[in-house]
Amino acid sequence: MKYRVFVTLKAGVLDPQGEAIRHALGALGFEGVNSVRQGKMIELDLAETDAARAEAAAQQMCEKLLANTVIESYRVEPA
């Protein structure tokens, strides 16, 4: 089963990379970009065939490795 994991910084956590992107967009002539938040997307291809177990495994992977849950949020969805 395939899943996509989206990891983003929690609200209130400074995002210097997002700010650098916002600044670069302005320098390229893209006006009106008030803020940018960046994150990461991870694709998982799991051998598990049971959807509930596969999603639970993906959630555990996020909690243990893929996301720093102190400063990041994540969501898991079927791919």
Protein backbone atom coordinates (compact mmCIF):
# COMPACT_ATOMS: atom_id res chain seq x y z
CA MET A 1 0.00 0.00 0.00
CA LYS A 2 1.22 3.46 -0.84
CA TYR A 3 0.93 6.47 1.42
CA ARG A 4 2.01 10.08 1.28
CA VAL A 5 3.17 11.81 4.43
CA PHE A 6 3.09 15.62 4.54
CA VAL A 7 5.22 17.22 7.25
CA THR A 8 5.02 20.95 8.02
CA LEU A 9 6.12 23.22 10.82
CA LYS A 10 3.47 23.91 13.44
CA ALA A 11 1.84 27.33 13.55
CA GLY A 12 3.98 29.76 15.52
CA VAL A 13 7.27 28.02 14.71
CA LEU A 14 9.59 30.29 12.72
CA ASP A 15 10.23 29.10 9.17
CA PRO A 16 13.48 30.69 7.91
CA GLN A 17 13.46 28.61 4.72
CA GLY A 18 9.90 29.71 3.96
CA GLU A 19 10.94 33.34 4.54
CA ALA A 20 13.90 32.91 2.17
CA ILE A 21 11.53 31.53 -0.48
CA ARG A 22 9.14 34.46 0.03
CA HIS A 23 12.02 36.92 -0.36
CA ALA A 24 13.29 35.15 -3.53
CA LEU A 25 9.80 35.19 -5.06
CA GLY A 26 9.65 38.95 -4.47
CA ALA A 27 13.06 39.38 -6.10
CA LEU A 28 11.76 37.46 -9.13
CA GLY A 29 8.86 39.88 -9.47
CA PHE A 30 6.12 37.87 -7.79
CA GLU A 31 4.42 40.60 -5.76
CA GLY A 32 1.84 40.09 -3.05
CA VAL A 33 3.27 36.94 -1.45
CA ASN A 34 2.67 37.69 2.22
CA SER A 35 4.11 34.50 3.67
CA VAL A 36 5.46 31.08 2.70
CA ARG A 37 5.53 27.94 4.82
CA GLN A 38 7.56 25.06 3.45
CA GLY A 39 7.52 21.40 4.35
CA LYS A 40 8.29 17.98 3.00
CA MET A 41 6.39 15.15 1.35
CA ILE A 42 7.44 11.54 1.83
CA GLU A 43 6.07 8.63 -0.21
CA LEU A 44 5.91 5.24 1.47
CA ASP A 45 5.34 1.97 -0.38
CA LEU A 46 4.45 -0.55 2.32
CA ALA A 47 4.22 -4.32 1.90
CA GLU A 48 1.23 -4.44 4.28
CA THR A 49 -2.03 -5.25 2.44
CA ASP A 50 -4.45 -4.39 5.25
CA ALA A 51 -5.29 -0.68 4.94
CA ALA A 52 -5.83 -0.09 8.66
CA ARG A 53 -2.54 -1.75 9.61
CA ALA A 54 -0.65 0.04 6.85
CA GLU A 55 -1.95 3.44 7.93
CA ALA A 56 -1.17 2.66 11.58
CA ALA A 57 2.38 1.71 10.59
CA ALA A 58 2.78 4.96 8.64
CA GLN A 59 1.52 6.93 11.68
CA GLN A 60 4.07 5.16 13.90
CA MET A 61 6.84 5.94 11.41
CA CYS A 62 5.90 9.62 11.63
CA GLU A 63 5.85 9.60 15.42
CA LYS A 64 9.22 7.83 15.69
CA LEU A 65 11.25 9.23 12.78
CA LEU A 66 9.63 11.15 9.94
CA ALA A 67 8.35 14.14 11.92
CA ASN A 68 9.72 16.04 14.88
CA THR A 69 6.39 16.21 16.67
CA VAL A 70 7.60 18.96 19.01
CA ILE A 71 7.73 21.49 16.16
CA GLU A 72 6.14 19.69 13.19
CA SER A 73 2.68 18.47 12.25
CA TYR A 74 2.04 15.65 9.81
CA ARG A 75 -0.77 14.02 7.93
CA VAL A 76 -0.88 10.61 6.27
CA GLU A 77 -3.04 9.90 3.24
CA PRO A 78 -3.31 7.08 0.71
CA ALA A 79 -1.33 7.69 -2.47
